[in-house]
N, C-alpha and C. Protein backbone atom coordinates (compact mmCIF):
# COMPACT_ATOMS: atom_id res chain seq x y z
N MET A 1 -14.82 -88.79 -8.05
CA MET A 1 -14.28 -87.82 -8.93
C MET A 1 -12.93 -88.34 -9.43
N THR A 2 -12.73 -88.15 -10.71
CA THR A 2 -11.52 -88.69 -11.31
C THR A 2 -10.38 -87.70 -11.13
N ASP A 3 -9.20 -88.20 -11.42
CA ASP A 3 -8.03 -87.34 -11.31
C ASP A 3 -8.10 -86.19 -12.29
N GLU A 4 -8.61 -86.51 -13.44
CA GLU A 4 -8.71 -85.48 -14.47
C GLU A 4 -9.68 -84.38 -14.05
N GLU A 5 -10.80 -84.71 -13.47
CA GLU A 5 -11.76 -83.72 -12.99
C GLU A 5 -11.15 -82.90 -11.87
N LEU A 6 -10.45 -83.62 -10.99
CA LEU A 6 -9.78 -82.90 -9.90
C LEU A 6 -8.73 -81.95 -10.45
N ASN A 7 -7.99 -82.38 -11.43
CA ASN A 7 -6.97 -81.51 -12.03
C ASN A 7 -7.61 -80.28 -12.68
N ARG A 8 -8.74 -80.47 -13.36
CA ARG A 8 -9.44 -79.35 -13.99
C ARG A 8 -9.93 -78.37 -12.94
N LYS A 9 -10.48 -78.90 -11.85
CA LYS A 9 -10.95 -78.03 -10.78
C LYS A 9 -9.79 -77.29 -10.15
N PHE A 10 -8.67 -78.01 -9.94
CA PHE A 10 -7.49 -77.33 -9.39
C PHE A 10 -6.97 -76.28 -10.36
N ASP A 11 -7.01 -76.59 -11.66
CA ASP A 11 -6.55 -75.61 -12.66
C ASP A 11 -7.46 -74.38 -12.64
N ARG A 12 -8.78 -74.61 -12.60
CA ARG A 12 -9.71 -73.46 -12.51
C ARG A 12 -9.48 -72.67 -11.25
N LEU A 13 -9.29 -73.40 -10.17
CA LEU A 13 -9.04 -72.74 -8.88
C LEU A 13 -7.71 -71.98 -8.93
N ALA A 14 -6.70 -72.56 -9.55
CA ALA A 14 -5.40 -71.89 -9.68
C ALA A 14 -5.56 -70.65 -10.55
N ASN A 15 -6.30 -70.78 -11.65
CA ASN A 15 -6.55 -69.62 -12.53
C ASN A 15 -7.30 -68.52 -11.77
N HIS A 16 -8.28 -68.94 -11.02
CA HIS A 16 -9.07 -67.99 -10.23
C HIS A 16 -8.19 -67.30 -9.19
N LEU A 17 -7.35 -68.09 -8.49
CA LEU A 17 -6.43 -67.52 -7.51
C LEU A 17 -5.44 -66.58 -8.18
N GLU A 18 -4.96 -66.94 -9.35
CA GLU A 18 -4.03 -66.08 -10.10
C GLU A 18 -4.71 -64.77 -10.48
N ALA A 19 -5.95 -64.85 -10.93
CA ALA A 19 -6.70 -63.65 -11.28
C ALA A 19 -6.93 -62.78 -10.05
N LEU A 20 -7.26 -63.42 -8.93
CA LEU A 20 -7.45 -62.69 -7.69
C LEU A 20 -6.14 -62.02 -7.25
N THR A 21 -5.04 -62.75 -7.38
CA THR A 21 -3.74 -62.21 -7.00
C THR A 21 -3.42 -61.00 -7.86
N GLU A 22 -3.65 -61.11 -9.18
CA GLU A 22 -3.40 -59.98 -10.09
C GLU A 22 -4.31 -58.80 -9.72
N SER A 23 -5.55 -59.13 -9.39
CA SER A 23 -6.50 -58.07 -9.00
C SER A 23 -6.04 -57.39 -7.72
N VAL A 24 -5.59 -58.18 -6.76
CA VAL A 24 -5.09 -57.62 -5.50
C VAL A 24 -3.85 -56.76 -5.77
N ASP A 25 -2.96 -57.26 -6.64
CA ASP A 25 -1.75 -56.50 -6.99
C ASP A 25 -2.13 -55.15 -7.62
N ARG A 26 -3.09 -55.19 -8.55
CA ARG A 26 -3.55 -53.93 -9.18
C ARG A 26 -4.14 -52.99 -8.15
N MET A 27 -4.93 -53.56 -7.22
CA MET A 27 -5.53 -52.74 -6.17
C MET A 27 -4.46 -52.12 -5.29
N GLU A 28 -3.42 -52.90 -4.96
CA GLU A 28 -2.33 -52.37 -4.15
C GLU A 28 -1.61 -51.23 -4.88
N VAL A 29 -1.41 -51.41 -6.18
CA VAL A 29 -0.78 -50.35 -6.99
C VAL A 29 -1.68 -49.12 -6.99
N ASN A 30 -2.98 -49.33 -7.19
CA ASN A 30 -3.92 -48.20 -7.20
C ASN A 30 -3.95 -47.51 -5.84
N ILE A 31 -3.93 -48.30 -4.76
CA ILE A 31 -3.93 -47.72 -3.42
C ILE A 31 -2.65 -46.91 -3.20
N GLU A 32 -1.53 -47.46 -3.68
CA GLU A 32 -0.26 -46.75 -3.55
C GLU A 32 -0.31 -45.44 -4.34
N ARG A 33 -0.85 -45.51 -5.55
CA ARG A 33 -0.99 -44.30 -6.38
C ARG A 33 -1.89 -43.27 -5.69
N MET A 34 -3.00 -43.77 -5.12
CA MET A 34 -3.91 -42.85 -4.42
C MET A 34 -3.20 -42.19 -3.24
N GLY A 35 -2.40 -43.00 -2.52
CA GLY A 35 -1.64 -42.45 -1.41
C GLY A 35 -0.66 -41.38 -1.91
N ASP A 36 0.01 -41.66 -3.03
CA ASP A 36 0.94 -40.69 -3.61
C ASP A 36 0.19 -39.42 -4.04
N LEU A 37 -0.96 -39.62 -4.67
CA LEU A 37 -1.76 -38.47 -5.11
C LEU A 37 -2.23 -37.65 -3.90
N GLN A 38 -2.65 -38.35 -2.86
CA GLN A 38 -3.08 -37.64 -1.65
C GLN A 38 -1.91 -36.88 -1.03
N ALA A 39 -0.74 -37.50 -1.02
CA ALA A 39 0.44 -36.83 -0.48
C ALA A 39 0.78 -35.60 -1.32
N GLN A 40 0.72 -35.77 -2.65
CA GLN A 40 0.99 -34.65 -3.53
C GLN A 40 -0.04 -33.54 -3.33
N ASP A 41 -1.30 -33.96 -3.18
CA ASP A 41 -2.37 -32.99 -2.95
C ASP A 41 -2.14 -32.25 -1.64
N ARG A 42 -1.73 -32.99 -0.60
CA ARG A 42 -1.42 -32.35 0.69
C ARG A 42 -0.28 -31.36 0.54
N ILE A 43 0.75 -31.76 -0.20
CA ILE A 43 1.90 -30.88 -0.41
C ILE A 43 1.45 -29.62 -1.16
N ARG A 44 0.67 -29.79 -2.22
CA ARG A 44 0.17 -28.63 -2.97
C ARG A 44 -0.68 -27.74 -2.09
N HIS A 45 -1.52 -28.35 -1.28
CA HIS A 45 -2.37 -27.57 -0.38
C HIS A 45 -1.51 -26.81 0.63
N ASP A 46 -0.51 -27.50 1.19
CA ASP A 46 0.36 -26.85 2.16
C ASP A 46 1.14 -25.70 1.50
N GLU A 47 1.63 -25.95 0.28
CA GLU A 47 2.35 -24.89 -0.44
C GLU A 47 1.43 -23.71 -0.73
N ALA A 48 0.20 -24.01 -1.15
CA ALA A 48 -0.76 -22.95 -1.43
C ALA A 48 -1.06 -22.17 -0.14
N GLN A 49 -1.19 -22.89 0.95
CA GLN A 49 -1.45 -22.23 2.23
C GLN A 49 -0.27 -21.35 2.62
N MET A 50 0.96 -21.87 2.40
CA MET A 50 2.15 -21.08 2.71
C MET A 50 2.20 -19.84 1.83
N ARG A 51 1.88 -19.99 0.55
CA ARG A 51 1.88 -18.84 -0.35
C ARG A 51 0.83 -17.83 0.10
N ALA A 52 -0.33 -18.33 0.50
CA ALA A 52 -1.38 -17.42 0.98
C ALA A 52 -0.91 -16.72 2.26
N ASP A 53 -0.28 -17.46 3.15
CA ASP A 53 0.23 -16.85 4.38
C ASP A 53 1.31 -15.82 4.06
N GLN A 54 2.16 -16.16 3.09
CA GLN A 54 3.20 -15.20 2.69
C GLN A 54 2.60 -13.95 2.08
N ARG A 55 1.55 -14.13 1.27
CA ARG A 55 0.88 -12.96 0.68
C ARG A 55 0.25 -12.10 1.76
N VAL A 56 -0.37 -12.73 2.73
CA VAL A 56 -0.98 -11.98 3.84
C VAL A 56 0.11 -11.22 4.61
N ALA A 57 1.22 -11.91 4.88
CA ALA A 57 2.32 -11.25 5.60
C ALA A 57 2.87 -10.09 4.79
N ARG A 58 3.01 -10.29 3.48
CA ARG A 58 3.50 -9.21 2.61
C ARG A 58 2.52 -8.05 2.61
N LEU A 59 1.24 -8.34 2.55
CA LEU A 59 0.23 -7.28 2.59
C LEU A 59 0.27 -6.54 3.92
N GLU A 60 0.47 -7.27 5.00
CA GLU A 60 0.56 -6.62 6.31
C GLU A 60 1.77 -5.69 6.37
N ARG A 61 2.91 -6.16 5.83
CA ARG A 61 4.11 -5.30 5.81
C ARG A 61 3.87 -4.07 4.94
N LEU A 62 3.25 -4.29 3.78
CA LEU A 62 2.96 -3.18 2.87
C LEU A 62 2.01 -2.18 3.51
N PHE A 63 1.00 -2.68 4.18
CA PHE A 63 0.05 -1.81 4.86
C PHE A 63 0.75 -0.97 5.92
N GLY A 64 1.65 -1.61 6.68
CA GLY A 64 2.41 -0.88 7.70
C GLY A 64 3.27 0.20 7.07
N LEU A 65 3.93 -0.13 5.96
CA LEU A 65 4.77 0.86 5.27
C LEU A 65 3.92 2.03 4.76
N LEU A 66 2.78 1.70 4.17
CA LEU A 66 1.90 2.76 3.66
C LEU A 66 1.38 3.63 4.80
N LEU A 67 1.05 3.01 5.90
CA LEU A 67 0.55 3.75 7.05
C LEU A 67 1.61 4.73 7.56
N ARG A 68 2.84 4.22 7.72
CA ARG A 68 3.92 5.10 8.19
C ARG A 68 4.22 6.21 7.18
N ALA A 69 4.18 5.88 5.89
CA ALA A 69 4.43 6.90 4.86
C ALA A 69 3.34 7.97 4.92
N GLY A 70 2.10 7.55 5.10
CA GLY A 70 0.99 8.51 5.23
C GLY A 70 1.16 9.40 6.45
N GLN A 71 1.59 8.81 7.56
CA GLN A 71 1.81 9.59 8.77
C GLN A 71 2.92 10.62 8.55
N ARG A 72 4.01 10.19 7.88
CA ARG A 72 5.10 11.13 7.60
C ARG A 72 4.62 12.26 6.69
N GLU A 73 3.84 11.92 5.68
CA GLU A 73 3.34 12.95 4.75
C GLU A 73 2.44 13.94 5.48
N ARG A 74 1.57 13.43 6.35
CA ARG A 74 0.69 14.34 7.10
C ARG A 74 1.50 15.24 8.02
N LYS A 75 2.54 14.68 8.64
CA LYS A 75 3.41 15.49 9.52
C LYS A 75 4.11 16.56 8.70
N ASP A 76 4.67 16.17 7.55
CA ASP A 76 5.34 17.15 6.69
C ASP A 76 4.37 18.22 6.21
N LEU A 77 3.16 17.81 5.86
CA LEU A 77 2.15 18.77 5.39
C LEU A 77 1.78 19.74 6.51
N ARG A 78 1.62 19.24 7.74
CA ARG A 78 1.31 20.12 8.86
C ARG A 78 2.43 21.13 9.08
N GLU A 79 3.69 20.65 8.99
CA GLU A 79 4.82 21.55 9.16
C GLU A 79 4.83 22.63 8.07
N LYS A 80 4.56 22.23 6.84
CA LYS A 80 4.52 23.19 5.73
C LYS A 80 3.40 24.20 5.91
N ILE A 81 2.25 23.72 6.36
CA ILE A 81 1.12 24.63 6.60
C ILE A 81 1.48 25.64 7.68
N HIS A 82 2.13 25.18 8.76
CA HIS A 82 2.54 26.10 9.83
C HIS A 82 3.56 27.11 9.30
N LEU A 83 4.49 26.65 8.47
CA LEU A 83 5.47 27.58 7.88
C LEU A 83 4.76 28.61 7.00
N LEU A 84 3.78 28.16 6.21
CA LEU A 84 3.03 29.09 5.36
C LEU A 84 2.23 30.09 6.20
N LEU A 85 1.63 29.61 7.28
CA LEU A 85 0.86 30.50 8.15
C LEU A 85 1.79 31.54 8.78
N ASP A 86 2.96 31.11 9.23
CA ASP A 86 3.93 32.06 9.80
C ASP A 86 4.36 33.08 8.77
N ALA A 87 4.65 32.61 7.56
CA ALA A 87 5.06 33.52 6.48
C ALA A 87 3.93 34.49 6.15
N GLN A 88 2.70 33.99 6.12
CA GLN A 88 1.55 34.86 5.83
C GLN A 88 1.40 35.91 6.91
N THR A 89 1.56 35.52 8.16
CA THR A 89 1.45 36.47 9.27
C THR A 89 2.54 37.53 9.16
N ARG A 90 3.77 37.11 8.88
CA ARG A 90 4.86 38.09 8.73
C ARG A 90 4.59 39.03 7.55
N THR A 91 4.07 38.48 6.46
CA THR A 91 3.76 39.31 5.29
C THR A 91 2.67 40.32 5.63
N GLU A 92 1.64 39.88 6.32
CA GLU A 92 0.56 40.80 6.70
C GLU A 92 1.08 41.88 7.63
N ASN A 93 1.96 41.53 8.56
CA ASN A 93 2.53 42.53 9.46
C ASN A 93 3.39 43.53 8.68
N THR A 94 4.17 43.02 7.75
CA THR A 94 5.01 43.89 6.91
C THR A 94 4.14 44.82 6.09
N LEU A 95 3.06 44.29 5.50
CA LEU A 95 2.15 45.12 4.70
C LEU A 95 1.49 46.18 5.57
N ALA A 96 1.13 45.83 6.78
CA ALA A 96 0.51 46.80 7.69
C ALA A 96 1.51 47.91 8.01
N ARG A 97 2.77 47.56 8.28
CA ARG A 97 3.79 48.58 8.56
C ARG A 97 4.03 49.45 7.33
N MET A 98 4.02 48.82 6.16
CA MET A 98 4.21 49.59 4.92
C MET A 98 3.05 50.55 4.69
N ALA A 99 1.82 50.09 5.00
CA ALA A 99 0.65 50.95 4.85
C ALA A 99 0.74 52.13 5.80
N GLU A 100 1.18 51.87 7.04
CA GLU A 100 1.36 52.96 8.00
C GLU A 100 2.43 53.93 7.52
N ALA A 101 3.53 53.38 7.00
CA ALA A 101 4.61 54.24 6.50
C ALA A 101 4.12 55.06 5.30
N GLN A 102 3.31 54.43 4.45
CA GLN A 102 2.79 55.15 3.30
C GLN A 102 1.84 56.26 3.75
N THR A 103 1.03 55.97 4.75
CA THR A 103 0.13 56.99 5.30
C THR A 103 0.92 58.16 5.86
N GLU A 104 1.99 57.82 6.62
CA GLU A 104 2.86 58.87 7.17
C GLU A 104 3.51 59.66 6.04
N MET A 105 3.95 58.95 4.99
CA MET A 105 4.58 59.61 3.85
C MET A 105 3.58 60.55 3.18
N MET A 106 2.33 60.10 3.04
CA MET A 106 1.30 60.94 2.41
C MET A 106 1.04 62.18 3.27
N ARG A 107 1.01 62.03 4.59
CA ARG A 107 0.83 63.19 5.48
C ARG A 107 2.01 64.17 5.33
N ALA A 108 3.22 63.59 5.25
CA ALA A 108 4.40 64.43 5.10
C ALA A 108 4.37 65.17 3.76
N ILE A 109 3.95 64.48 2.70
CA ILE A 109 3.86 65.12 1.38
C ILE A 109 2.80 66.22 1.40
N THR A 110 1.67 65.93 2.04
CA THR A 110 0.59 66.92 2.13
C THR A 110 1.08 68.15 2.89
N LYS A 111 1.76 67.91 3.98
CA LYS A 111 2.30 68.99 4.81
C LYS A 111 3.32 69.81 4.00
N THR A 112 4.17 69.10 3.25
CA THR A 112 5.17 69.78 2.42
C THR A 112 4.49 70.61 1.35
N ASP A 113 3.46 70.03 0.72
CA ASP A 113 2.72 70.76 -0.31
C ASP A 113 2.08 72.01 0.28
N GLN A 114 1.52 71.88 1.49
CA GLN A 114 0.90 73.04 2.15
C GLN A 114 1.95 74.12 2.44
N ARG A 115 3.10 73.73 2.86
CA ARG A 115 4.17 74.69 3.14
C ARG A 115 4.61 75.39 1.85
N ILE A 116 4.74 74.56 0.79
CA ILE A 116 5.14 75.16 -0.49
C ILE A 116 4.08 76.14 -0.96
N ASP A 117 2.82 75.72 -0.83
CA ASP A 117 1.72 76.61 -1.23
C ASP A 117 1.73 77.87 -0.39
N ALA A 118 2.02 77.74 0.92
CA ALA A 118 2.04 78.91 1.80
C ALA A 118 3.20 79.83 1.40
N ILE A 119 4.31 79.25 1.08
CA ILE A 119 5.47 80.07 0.69
C ILE A 119 5.18 80.78 -0.63
N GLU A 120 4.59 80.07 -1.56
CA GLU A 120 4.27 80.67 -2.85
C GLU A 120 3.17 81.71 -2.70
N GLY A 121 2.29 81.49 -1.80
CA GLY A 121 1.20 82.45 -1.57
C GLY A 121 1.71 83.70 -0.89
N ASN A 122 2.79 83.72 -0.22
CA ASN A 122 3.38 84.86 0.48
C ASN A 122 4.38 85.60 -0.40
N GLY A 123 4.28 85.43 -1.64
CA GLY A 123 5.18 86.14 -2.52
C GLY A 123 6.43 85.38 -2.87
N GLY A 124 6.43 84.12 -2.60
CA GLY A 124 7.61 83.34 -2.95
C GLY A 124 7.64 83.07 -4.45
N PRO A 125 8.61 82.43 -4.88
CA PRO A 125 8.70 82.13 -6.31
C PRO A 125 7.51 81.30 -6.77
N SER A 126 7.01 81.56 -7.95
CA SER A 126 5.87 80.81 -8.45
C SER A 126 6.38 79.62 -9.25
N ARG A 127 5.49 78.77 -9.33
CA ARG A 127 5.90 77.53 -10.02
C ARG A 127 5.77 77.65 -11.49
């Protein structure tokens, strides 16, 4: 083999090695980019998970607040119902006493009318 043939083979080999080196360099860049993308994806996933966890925690706090508010409202409503029942009972008792007083008043009026009629019937002044 001549020097010229050897030089051509070395040149081809050098070109091939250069192409391989460029290819390896591109692959390393791509691998680095993939690693960066994976890291970014992990960060996005972690952030999304944190946001989801925060939303769940917020919902749990909100549920607790709503539960306590509902309990307070039911307690207040029970107290109001008891107050209304007490007021109704007092009103019914007052009405019963008023009805008794009215009945007594009617008896007294009837008795007075009978006395007046008796007095007028015995020669008293006429109406």
